[in-house]
PDB file of N, CA and C in Angstrom:
ATOM      1  N   MET A   1       0.920  -3.764 -15.113  1.00  0.00           N
ATOM      2  CA  MET A   1      -0.408  -3.242 -14.862  1.00  0.00           C
ATOM      3  C   MET A   1      -1.474  -4.296 -15.155  1.00  0.00           C
ATOM      4  N   ALA A   2      -1.198  -5.190 -16.101  1.00  0.00           N
ATOM      5  CA  ALA A   2      -2.183  -6.206 -16.462  1.00  0.00           C
ATOM      6  C   ALA A   2      -2.485  -7.144 -15.302  1.00  0.00           C
ATOM      7  N   ASP A   3      -1.545  -7.304 -14.372  1.00  0.00           N
ATOM      8  CA  ASP A   3      -1.745  -8.188 -13.221  1.00  0.00           C
ATOM      9  C   ASP A   3      -2.282  -7.461 -11.995  1.00  0.00           C
ATOM     10  N   LEU A   4      -2.579  -6.175 -12.131  1.00  0.00           N
ATOM     11  CA  LEU A   4      -3.055  -5.370 -11.012  1.00  0.00           C
ATOM     12  C   LEU A   4      -4.460  -4.878 -11.345  1.00  0.00           C
ATOM     13  N   THR A   5      -5.468  -5.438 -10.653  1.00  0.00           N
ATOM     14  CA  THR A   5      -6.849  -5.064 -10.945  1.00  0.00           C
ATOM     15  C   THR A   5      -7.089  -3.596 -10.637  1.00  0.00           C
ATOM     16  N   ASP A   6      -8.193  -3.069 -11.109  1.00  0.00           N
ATOM     17  CA  ASP A   6      -8.559  -1.671 -10.882  1.00  0.00           C
ATOM     18  C   ASP A   6      -9.927  -1.606 -10.209  1.00  0.00           C
ATOM     19  N   PRO A   7     -10.023  -1.210  -8.954  1.00  0.00           N
ATOM     20  CA  PRO A   7      -8.898  -0.945  -8.052  1.00  0.00           C
ATOM     21  C   PRO A   7      -8.305  -2.246  -7.552  1.00  0.00           C
ATOM     22  N   GLY A   8      -7.048  -2.183  -7.169  1.00  0.00           N
ATOM     23  CA  GLY A   8      -6.380  -3.382  -6.684  1.00  0.00           C
ATOM     24  C   GLY A   8      -5.110  -3.065  -5.941  1.00  0.00           C
ATOM     25  N   SER A   9      -4.533  -4.088  -5.350  1.00  0.00           N
ATOM     26  CA  SER A   9      -3.295  -3.924  -4.592  1.00  0.00           C
ATOM     27  C   SER A   9      -2.461  -5.188  -4.692  1.00  0.00           C
ATOM     28  N   ARG A  10      -1.176  -5.033  -4.400  1.00  0.00           N
ATOM     29  CA  ARG A  10      -0.286  -6.190  -4.403  1.00  0.00           C
ATOM     30  C   ARG A  10       0.909  -5.884  -3.520  1.00  0.00           C
ATOM     31  N   GLY A  11       1.247  -6.836  -2.662  1.00  0.00           N
ATOM     32  CA  GLY A  11       2.382  -6.675  -1.765  1.00  0.00           C
ATOM     33  C   GLY A  11       3.655  -7.237  -2.351  1.00  0.00           C
ATOM     34  N   PHE A  12       4.786  -6.708  -1.890  1.00  0.00           N
ATOM     35  CA  PHE A  12       6.095  -7.143  -2.350  1.00  0.00           C
ATOM     36  C   PHE A  12       7.040  -7.220  -1.160  1.00  0.00           C
ATOM     37  N   GLU A  13       7.912  -8.210  -1.170  1.00  0.00           N
ATOM     38  CA  GLU A  13       8.955  -8.336  -0.156  1.00  0.00           C
ATOM     39  C   GLU A  13      10.286  -8.537  -0.859  1.00  0.00           C
ATOM     40  N   PHE A  14      11.300  -7.848  -0.353  1.00  0.00           N
ATOM     41  CA  PHE A  14      12.651  -7.990  -0.883  1.00  0.00           C
ATOM     42  C   PHE A  14      13.575  -8.303   0.283  1.00  0.00           C
ATOM     43  N   ASP A  15      14.407  -9.326   0.119  1.00  0.00           N
ATOM     44  CA  ASP A  15      15.341  -9.722   1.159  1.00  0.00           C
ATOM     45  C   ASP A  15      16.667 -10.057   0.485  1.00  0.00           C
ATOM     46  N   ASP A  16      17.697  -9.281   0.800  1.00  0.00           N
ATOM     47  CA  ASP A  16      19.004  -9.571   0.205  1.00  0.00           C
ATOM     48  C   ASP A  16      19.971 -10.190   1.214  1.00  0.00           C
ATOM     49  N   GLY A  17      19.438 -10.648   2.341  1.00  0.00           N
ATOM     50  CA  GLY A  17      20.271 -11.257   3.362  1.00  0.00           C
ATOM     51  C   GLY A  17      20.697 -10.277   4.438  1.00  0.00           C
ATOM     52  N   ASP A  18      20.949  -9.028   4.062  1.00  0.00           N
ATOM     53  CA  ASP A  18      21.350  -7.995   5.020  1.00  0.00           C
ATOM     54  C   ASP A  18      20.214  -7.043   5.340  1.00  0.00           C
ATOM     55  N   ALA A  19      19.249  -6.942   4.456  1.00  0.00           N
ATOM     56  CA  ALA A  19      18.145  -5.993   4.645  1.00  0.00           C
ATOM     57  C   ALA A  19      16.854  -6.618   4.136  1.00  0.00           C
ATOM     58  N   PHE A  20      15.752  -6.219   4.753  1.00  0.00           N
ATOM     59  CA  PHE A  20      14.426  -6.708   4.364  1.00  0.00           C
ATOM     60  C   PHE A  20      13.538  -5.500   4.108  1.00  0.00           C
ATOM     61  N   PHE A  21      12.731  -5.572   3.046  1.00  0.00           N
ATOM     62  CA  PHE A  21      11.786  -4.509   2.724  1.00  0.00           C
ATOM     63  C   PHE A  21      10.439  -5.128   2.409  1.00  0.00           C
ATOM     64  N   ALA A  22       9.376  -4.555   2.985  1.00  0.00           N
ATOM     65  CA  ALA A  22       8.008  -4.959   2.660  1.00  0.00           C
ATOM     66  C   ALA A  22       7.262  -3.719   2.194  1.00  0.00           C
ATOM     67  N   GLY A  23       6.680  -3.812   1.026  1.00  0.00           N
ATOM     68  CA  GLY A  23       5.932  -2.692   0.477  1.00  0.00           C
ATOM     69  C   GLY A  23       4.752  -3.198  -0.319  1.00  0.00           C
ATOM     70  N   PHE A  24       3.952  -2.250  -0.813  1.00  0.00           N
ATOM     71  CA  PHE A  24       2.813  -2.634  -1.629  1.00  0.00           C
ATOM     72  C   PHE A  24       2.488  -1.514  -2.595  1.00  0.00           C
ATOM     73  N   VAL A  25       1.794  -1.877  -3.655  1.00  0.00           N
ATOM     74  CA  VAL A  25       1.295  -0.894  -4.614  1.00  0.00           C
ATOM     75  C   VAL A  25      -0.221  -0.982  -4.656  1.00  0.00           C
ATOM     76  N   VAL A  26      -0.846   0.149  -4.921  1.00  0.00           N
ATOM     77  CA  VAL A  26      -2.287   0.199  -5.111  1.00  0.00           C
ATOM     78  C   VAL A  26      -2.564   0.867  -6.450  1.00  0.00           C
ATOM     79  N   ARG A  27      -3.602   0.370  -7.106  1.00  0.00           N
ATOM     80  CA  ARG A  27      -4.031   0.944  -8.382  1.00  0.00           C
ATOM     81  C   ARG A  27      -5.443   1.465  -8.217  1.00  0.00           C
ATOM     82  N   HIS A  28      -5.642   2.667  -8.712  1.00  0.00           N
ATOM     83  CA  HIS A  28      -6.962   3.288  -8.733  1.00  0.00           C
ATOM     84  C   HIS A  28      -7.065   4.027 -10.050  1.00  0.00           C
ATOM     85  N   GLY A  29      -7.786   3.450 -11.007  1.00  0.00           N
ATOM     86  CA  GLY A  29      -7.809   4.011 -12.359  1.00  0.00           C
ATOM     87  C   GLY A  29      -6.452   3.783 -13.003  1.00  0.00           C
ATOM     88  N   ASN A  30      -5.919   4.817 -13.621  1.00  0.00           N
ATOM     89  CA  ASN A  30      -4.598   4.719 -14.233  1.00  0.00           C
ATOM     90  C   ASN A  30      -3.485   5.078 -13.268  1.00  0.00           C
ATOM     91  N   ALA A  31      -3.845   5.499 -12.055  1.00  0.00           N
ATOM     92  CA  ALA A  31      -2.845   5.897 -11.062  1.00  0.00           C
ATOM     93  C   ALA A  31      -2.361   4.685 -10.270  1.00  0.00           C
ATOM     94  N   VAL A  32      -1.065   4.636 -10.022  1.00  0.00           N
ATOM     95  CA  VAL A  32      -0.458   3.598  -9.194  1.00  0.00           C
ATOM     96  C   VAL A  32       0.422   4.295  -8.163  1.00  0.00           C
ATOM     97  N   ALA A  33       0.282   3.890  -6.914  1.00  0.00           N
ATOM     98  CA  ALA A  33       1.096   4.451  -5.839  1.00  0.00           C
ATOM     99  C   ALA A  33       1.721   3.318  -5.045  1.00  0.00           C
ATOM    100  N   GLY A  34       2.897   3.565  -4.507  1.00  0.00           N
ATOM    101  CA  GLY A  34       3.582   2.576  -3.693  1.00  0.00           C
ATOM    102  C   GLY A  34       3.781   3.087  -2.283  1.00  0.00           C
ATOM    103  N   PHE A  35       3.722   2.176  -1.311  1.00  0.00           N
ATOM    104  CA  PHE A  35       3.902   2.532   0.091  1.00  0.00           C
ATOM    105  C   PHE A  35       4.680   1.439   0.807  1.00  0.00           C
ATOM    106  N   VAL A  36       5.377   1.830   1.866  1.00  0.00           N
ATOM    107  CA  VAL A  36       6.011   0.873   2.757  1.00  0.00           C
ATOM    108  C   VAL A  36       4.894   0.200   3.556  1.00  0.00           C
ATOM    109  N   ASP A  37       4.975  -1.098   3.712  1.00  0.00           N
ATOM    110  CA  ASP A  37       3.946  -1.867   4.427  1.00  0.00           C
ATOM    111  C   ASP A  37       4.182  -1.727   5.931  1.00  0.00           C
ATOM    112  N   TYR A  38       3.745  -0.577   6.487  1.00  0.00           N
ATOM    113  CA  TYR A  38       4.007  -0.245   7.892  1.00  0.00           C
ATOM    114  C   TYR A  38       2.949   0.736   8.373  1.00  0.00           C
ATOM    115  N   CYS A  39       2.225   0.384   9.418  1.00  0.00           N
ATOM    116  CA  CYS A  39       1.206   1.267   9.983  1.00  0.00           C
ATOM    117  C   CYS A  39       1.892   2.376  10.779  1.00  0.00           C
ATOM    118  N   PRO A  40       1.637   3.649  10.454  1.00  0.00           N
ATOM    119  CA  PRO A  40       2.310   4.742  11.154  1.00  0.00           C
ATOM    120  C   PRO A  40       1.879   4.893  12.611  1.00  0.00           C
ATOM    121  N   HIS A  41       0.738   4.335  12.977  1.00  0.00           N
ATOM    122  CA  HIS A  41       0.255   4.424  14.356  1.00  0.00           C
ATOM    123  C   HIS A  41       0.735   3.238  15.185  1.00  0.00           C
ATOM    124  N   ALA A  42       0.554   2.032  14.680  1.00  0.00           N
ATOM    125  CA  ALA A  42       0.795   0.831  15.478  1.00  0.00           C
ATOM    126  C   ALA A  42       2.185   0.220  15.276  1.00  0.00           C
ATOM    127  N   GLY A  43       2.819   0.512  14.146  1.00  0.00           N
ATOM    128  CA  GLY A  43       4.149  -0.014  13.898  1.00  0.00           C
ATOM    129  C   GLY A  43       4.205  -1.442  13.399  1.00  0.00           C
ATOM    130  N   TRP A  44       3.084  -1.955  12.898  1.00  0.00           N
ATOM    131  CA  TRP A  44       3.082  -3.303  12.339  1.00  0.00           C
ATOM    132  C   TRP A  44       2.721  -3.232  10.863  1.00  0.00           C
ATOM    133  N   ARG A  45       2.799  -4.374  10.175  1.00  0.00           N
ATOM    134  CA  ARG A  45       2.429  -4.412   8.760  1.00  0.00           C
ATOM    135  C   ARG A  45       0.924  -4.231   8.621  1.00  0.00           C
ATOM    136  N   LEU A  46       0.518  -3.589   7.534  1.00  0.00           N
ATOM    137  CA  LEU A  46      -0.899  -3.314   7.320  1.00  0.00           C
ATOM    138  C   LEU A  46      -1.697  -4.578   7.035  1.00  0.00           C
ATOM    139  N   SER A  47      -1.157  -5.455   6.211  1.00  0.00           N
ATOM    140  CA  SER A  47      -1.915  -6.638   5.824  1.00  0.00           C
ATOM    141  C   SER A  47      -0.995  -7.830   5.635  1.00  0.00           C
ATOM    142  N   PRO A  48      -0.885  -8.689   6.647  1.00  0.00           N
ATOM    143  CA  PRO A  48      -0.037  -9.863   6.483  1.00  0.00           C
ATOM    144  C   PRO A  48      -0.532 -10.825   5.403  1.00  0.00           C
ATOM    145  N   ARG A  49      -1.800 -10.706   4.996  1.00  0.00           N
ATOM    146  CA  ARG A  49      -2.350 -11.583   3.955  1.00  0.00           C
ATOM    147  C   ARG A  49      -2.231 -11.000   2.551  1.00  0.00           C
ATOM    148  N   GLY A  50      -1.778  -9.745   2.442  1.00  0.00           N
ATOM    149  CA  GLY A  50      -1.522  -9.173   1.132  1.00  0.00           C
ATOM    150  C   GLY A  50      -2.662  -8.440   0.468  1.00  0.00           C
ATOM    151  N   ASN A  51      -3.831  -8.323   1.121  1.00  0.00           N
ATOM    152  CA  ASN A  51      -4.915  -7.526   0.558  1.00  0.00           C
ATOM    153  C   ASN A  51      -4.936  -6.191   1.289  1.00  0.00           C
ATOM    154  N   PHE A  52      -4.619  -5.127   0.591  1.00  0.00           N
ATOM    155  CA  PHE A  52      -4.443  -3.828   1.222  1.00  0.00           C
ATOM    156  C   PHE A  52      -5.642  -2.899   1.075  1.00  0.00           C
ATOM    157  N   LEU A  53      -6.697  -3.330   0.396  1.00  0.00           N
ATOM    158  CA  LEU A  53      -7.856  -2.469   0.202  1.00  0.00           C
ATOM    159  C   LEU A  53      -8.973  -2.818   1.176  1.00  0.00           C
ATOM    160  N   ASN A  54      -9.790  -1.816   1.495  1.00  0.00           N
ATOM    161  CA  ASN A  54     -10.968  -2.075   2.326  1.00  0.00           C
ATOM    162  C   ASN A  54     -12.023  -2.809   1.489  1.00  0.00           C
ATOM    163  N   ARG A  55     -13.127  -3.198   2.122  1.00  0.00           N
ATOM    164  CA  ARG A  55     -14.159  -3.978   1.405  1.00  0.00           C
ATOM    165  C   ARG A  55     -14.758  -3.234   0.226  1.00  0.00           C
ATOM    166  N   ALA A  56     -14.937  -1.926   0.375  1.00  0.00           N
ATOM    167  CA  ALA A  56     -15.501  -1.128  -0.718  1.00  0.00           C
ATOM    168  C   ALA A  56     -14.483  -0.862  -1.822  1.00  0.00           C
ATOM    169  N   LYS A  57     -13.224  -1.183  -1.570  1.00  0.00           N
ATOM    170  CA  LYS A  57     -12.123  -0.954  -2.512  1.00  0.00           C
ATOM    171  C   LYS A  57     -11.973   0.519  -2.870  1.00  0.00           C
ATOM    172  N   ASP A  58     -12.295   1.384  -1.893  1.00  0.00           N
ATOM    173  CA  ASP A  58     -12.118   2.818  -2.125  1.00  0.00           C
ATOM    174  C   ASP A  58     -11.092   3.423  -1.175  1.00  0.00           C
ATOM    175  N   GLY A  59     -10.296   2.574  -0.527  1.00  0.00           N
ATOM    176  CA  GLY A  59      -9.249   3.043   0.369  1.00  0.00           C
ATOM    177  C   GLY A  59      -8.360   1.892   0.806  1.00  0.00           C
ATOM    178  N   ILE A  60      -7.270   2.243   1.468  1.00  0.00           N
ATOM    179  CA  ILE A  60      -6.289   1.290   1.977  1.00  0.00           C
ATOM    180  C   ILE A  60      -6.642   0.980   3.425  1.00  0.00           C
ATOM    181  N   LEU A  61      -6.554  -0.282   3.820  1.00  0.00           N
ATOM    182  CA  LEU A  61      -6.967  -0.724   5.143  1.00  0.00           C
ATOM    183  C   LEU A  61      -5.789  -1.277   5.935  1.00  0.00           C
ATOM    184  N   CYS A  62      -5.699  -0.893   7.224  1.00  0.00           N
ATOM    185  CA  CYS A  62      -4.808  -1.554   8.171  1.00  0.00           C
ATOM    186  C   CYS A  62      -5.651  -2.621   8.851  1.00  0.00           C
ATOM    187  N   THR A  63      -5.390  -3.878   8.548  1.00  0.00           N
ATOM    188  CA  THR A  63      -6.230  -4.956   9.078  1.00  0.00           C
ATOM    189  C   THR A  63      -6.061  -5.133  10.579  1.00  0.00           C
ATOM    190  N   GLY A  64      -4.969  -4.640  11.158  1.00  0.00           N
ATOM    191  CA  GLY A  64      -4.730  -4.802  12.580  1.00  0.00           C
ATOM    192  C   GLY A  64      -5.687  -4.042  13.470  1.00  0.00           C
ATOM    193  N   HIS A  65      -6.088  -2.842  13.048  1.00  0.00           N
ATOM    194  CA  HIS A  65      -7.015  -2.061  13.871  1.00  0.00           C
ATOM    195  C   HIS A  65      -8.024  -1.261  13.049  1.00  0.00           C
ATOM    196  N   ARG A  66      -8.205  -1.671  11.798  1.00  0.00           N
ATOM    197  CA  ARG A  66      -9.265  -1.153  10.924  1.00  0.00           C
ATOM    198  C   ARG A  66      -9.114   0.331  10.559  1.00  0.00           C
ATOM    199  N   ALA A  67      -7.925   0.880  10.701  1.00  0.00           N
ATOM    200  CA  ALA A  67      -7.692   2.244  10.221  1.00  0.00           C
ATOM    201  C   ALA A  67      -7.712   2.225   8.700  1.00  0.00           C
ATOM    202  N   GLU A  68      -8.085   3.367   8.109  1.00  0.00           N
ATOM    203  CA  GLU A  68      -8.115   3.459   6.648  1.00  0.00           C
ATOM    204  C   GLU A  68      -7.343   4.676   6.178  1.00  0.00           C
ATOM    205  N   PHE A  69      -6.843   4.559   4.947  1.00  0.00           N
ATOM    206  CA  PHE A  69      -6.071   5.608   4.306  1.00  0.00           C
ATOM    207  C   PHE A  69      -6.638   5.833   2.909  1.00  0.00           C
ATOM    208  N   ASP A  70      -6.511   7.063   2.404  1.00  0.00           N
ATOM    209  CA  ASP A  70      -6.924   7.297   1.020  1.00  0.00           C
ATOM    210  C   ASP A  70      -5.814   6.802   0.090  1.00  0.00           C
ATOM    211  N   PHE A  71      -6.022   6.915  -1.212  1.00  0.00           N
ATOM    212  CA  PHE A  71      -5.054   6.403  -2.170  1.00  0.00           C
ATOM    213  C   PHE A  71      -3.779   7.241  -2.240  1.00  0.00           C
ATOM    214  N   ASP A  72      -3.748   8.376  -1.540  1.00  0.00           N
ATOM    215  CA  ASP A  72      -2.520   9.166  -1.409  1.00  0.00           C
ATOM    216  C   ASP A  72      -1.754   8.795  -0.150  1.00  0.00           C
ATOM    217  N   GLY A  73      -2.321   7.869   0.677  1.00  0.00           N
ATOM    218  CA  GLY A  73      -1.647   7.409   1.876  1.00  0.00           C
ATOM    219  C   GLY A  73      -1.982   8.182   3.136  1.00  0.00           C
ATOM    220  N   LEU A  74      -2.954   9.094   3.077  1.00  0.00           N
ATOM    221  CA  LEU A  74      -3.337   9.888   4.248  1.00  0.00           C
ATOM    222  C   LEU A  74      -4.408   9.159   5.042  1.00  0.00           C
ATOM    223  N   GLY A  75      -4.209   9.051   6.370  1.00  0.00           N
ATOM    224  CA  GLY A  75      -5.169   8.395   7.239  1.00  0.00           C
ATOM    225  C   GLY A  75      -6.484   9.134   7.301  1.00  0.00           C
ATOM    226  N   THR A  76      -7.585   8.412   7.075  1.00  0.00           N
ATOM    227  CA  THR A  76      -8.911   9.040   7.020  1.00  0.00           C
ATOM    228  C   THR A  76      -9.893   8.460   8.029  1.00  0.00           C
ATOM    229  N   VAL A  77      -9.620   7.272   8.570  1.00  0.00           N
ATOM    230  CA  VAL A  77     -10.532   6.599   9.500  1.00  0.00           C
ATOM    231  C   VAL A  77      -9.709   5.959  10.611  1.00  0.00           C
ATOM    232  N   GLY A  78     -10.197   6.053  11.843  1.00  0.00           N
ATOM    233  CA  GLY A  78      -9.569   5.361  12.967  1.00  0.00           C
ATOM    234  C   GLY A  78      -8.394   6.107  13.557  1.00  0.00           C
ATOM    235  N   LYS A  79      -7.531   5.368  14.216  1.00  0.00           N
ATOM    236  CA  LYS A  79      -6.422   5.961  14.955  1.00  0.00           C
ATOM    237  C   LYS A  79      -5.335   6.554  14.070  1.00  0.00           C
ATOM    238  N   CYS A  80      -5.418   6.365  12.775  1.00  0.00           N
ATOM    239  CA  CYS A  80      -4.410   6.896  11.855  1.00  0.00           C
ATOM    240  C   CYS A  80      -4.859   8.190  11.167  1.00  0.00           C
ATOM    241  N   ILE A  81      -5.979   8.767  11.587  1.00  0.00           N
ATOM    242  CA  ILE A  81      -6.438  10.023  10.975  1.00  0.00           C
ATOM    243  C   ILE A  81      -5.327  11.063  11.076  1.00  0.00           C
ATOM    244  N   GLY A  82      -5.002  11.648   9.943  1.00  0.00           N
ATOM    245  CA  GLY A  82      -3.973  12.683   9.882  1.00  0.00           C
ATOM    246  C   GLY A  82      -2.560  12.155   9.748  1.00  0.00           C
ATOM    247  N   LEU A  83      -2.341  10.859   9.969  1.00  0.00           N
ATOM    248  CA  LEU A  83      -1.023  10.256   9.770  1.00  0.00           C
ATOM    249  C   LEU A  83      -0.910   9.793   8.320  1.00  0.00           C
ATOM    250  N   SER A  84       0.312   9.612   7.850  1.00  0.00           N
ATOM    251  CA  SER A  84       0.513   9.213   6.460  1.00  0.00           C
ATOM    252  C   SER A  84       1.355   7.955   6.360  1.00  0.00           C
ATOM    253  N   LEU A  85       1.018   7.139   5.376  1.00  0.00           N
ATOM    254  CA  LEU A  85       1.864   6.010   5.028  1.00  0.00           C
ATOM    255  C   LEU A  85       3.156   6.543   4.417  1.00  0.00           C
ATOM    256  N   THR A  86       4.230   5.780   4.542  1.00  0.00           N
ATOM    257  CA  THR A  86       5.508   6.165   3.944  1.00  0.00           C
ATOM    258  C   THR A  86       5.496   5.795   2.470  1.00  0.00           C
ATOM    259  N   PRO A  87       5.702   6.789   1.593  1.00  0.00           N
ATOM    260  CA  PRO A  87       5.685   6.492   0.156  1.00  0.00           C
ATOM    261  C   PRO A  87       6.845   5.583  -0.254  1.00  0.00           C
ATOM    262  N   TRP A  88       6.586   4.751  -1.235  1.00  0.00           N
ATOM    263  CA  TRP A  88       7.603   3.932  -1.895  1.00  0.00           C
ATOM    264  C   TRP A  88       7.542   4.358  -3.360  1.00  0.00           C
ATOM    265  N   PRO A  89       8.600   4.969  -3.877  1.00  0.00           N
ATOM    266  CA  PRO A  89       8.534   5.516  -5.238  1.00  0.00           C
ATOM    267  C   PRO A  89       8.415   4.437  -6.308  1.00  0.00           C
ATOM    268  N   VAL A  90       7.286   4.452  -6.987  1.00  0.00           N
ATOM    269  CA  VAL A  90       7.051   3.554  -8.121  1.00  0.00           C
ATOM    270  C   VAL A  90       6.542   4.402  -9.281  1.00  0.00           C
ATOM    271  N   THR A  91       6.696   3.873 -10.459  1.00  0.00           N
ATOM    272  CA  THR A  91       6.185   4.533 -11.663  1.00  0.00           C
ATOM    273  C   THR A  91       5.787   3.459 -12.664  1.00  0.00           C
ATOM    274  N   VAL A  92       5.031   3.843 -13.657  1.00  0.00           N
ATOM    275  CA  VAL A  92       4.628   2.914 -14.714  1.00  0.00           C
ATOM    276  C   VAL A  92       5.392   3.269 -15.978  1.00  0.00           C
ATOM    277  N   ILE A  93       6.102   2.279 -16.511  1.00  0.00           N
ATOM    278  CA  ILE A  93       6.852   2.455 -17.759  1.00  0.00           C
ATOM    279  C   ILE A  93       6.435   1.345 -18.703  1.00  0.00           C
ATOM    280  N   GLU A  94       5.871   1.734 -19.842  1.00  0.00           N
ATOM    281  CA  GLU A  94       5.421   0.779 -20.853  1.00  0.00           C
ATOM    282  C   GLU A  94       4.565  -0.326 -20.271  1.00  0.00           C
ATOM    283  N   GLY A  95       3.637   0.064 -19.395  1.00  0.00           N
ATOM    284  CA  GLY A  95       2.688  -0.873 -18.826  1.00  0.00           C
ATOM    285  C   GLY A  95       3.209  -1.703 -17.659  1.00  0.00           C
ATOM    286  N   MET A  96       4.438  -1.432 -17.207  1.00  0.00           N
ATOM    287  CA  MET A  96       5.014  -2.174 -16.083  1.00  0.00           C
ATOM    288  C   MET A  96       5.230  -1.234 -14.903  1.00  0.00           C
ATOM    289  N   VAL A  97       4.876  -1.697 -13.699  1.00  0.00           N
ATOM    290  CA  VAL A  97       5.121  -0.936 -12.485  1.00  0.00           C
ATOM    291  C   VAL A  97       6.561  -1.226 -12.060  1.00  0.00           C
ATOM    292  N   VAL A  98       7.362  -0.181 -11.918  1.00  0.00           N
ATOM    293  CA  VAL A  98       8.775  -0.352 -11.572  1.00  0.00           C
ATOM    294  C   VAL A  98       9.153   0.582 -10.428  1.00  0.00           C
ATOM    295  N   THR A  99      10.236   0.241  -9.743  1.00  0.00           N
ATOM    296  CA  THR A  99      10.796   1.068  -8.690  1.00  0.00           C
ATOM    297  C   THR A  99      12.295   1.180  -8.922  1.00  0.00           C
ATOM    298  N   ALA A 100      12.882   2.175  -8.266  1.00  0.00           N
ATOM    299  CA  ALA A 100      14.351   2.389  -8.413  1.00  0.00           C
ATOM    300  C   ALA A 100      15.113   1.306  -7.682  1.00  0.00           C
TER     301      ALA A 100
END
């Protein structure tokens, strides 16, 4: 948590040779949520540069077509209204963000 600003985001990639995963976490207050880095409307990654928040830092941004999502992953602006990001289960244990 110390490396994740409030509000803030950070992308992660995992590659074991047979499978690839791209995801990100967002922090808003003490809450942390994880999502798969995939736009539900366009089918591309939300942010190839790794910054997942909009300029106001009050939502998640798809840089490809400027759609926005709330911190629960629900589309609120643009072509993704009503669509949801795919959750990536993360939790905070003793100040560290972890996943299964």
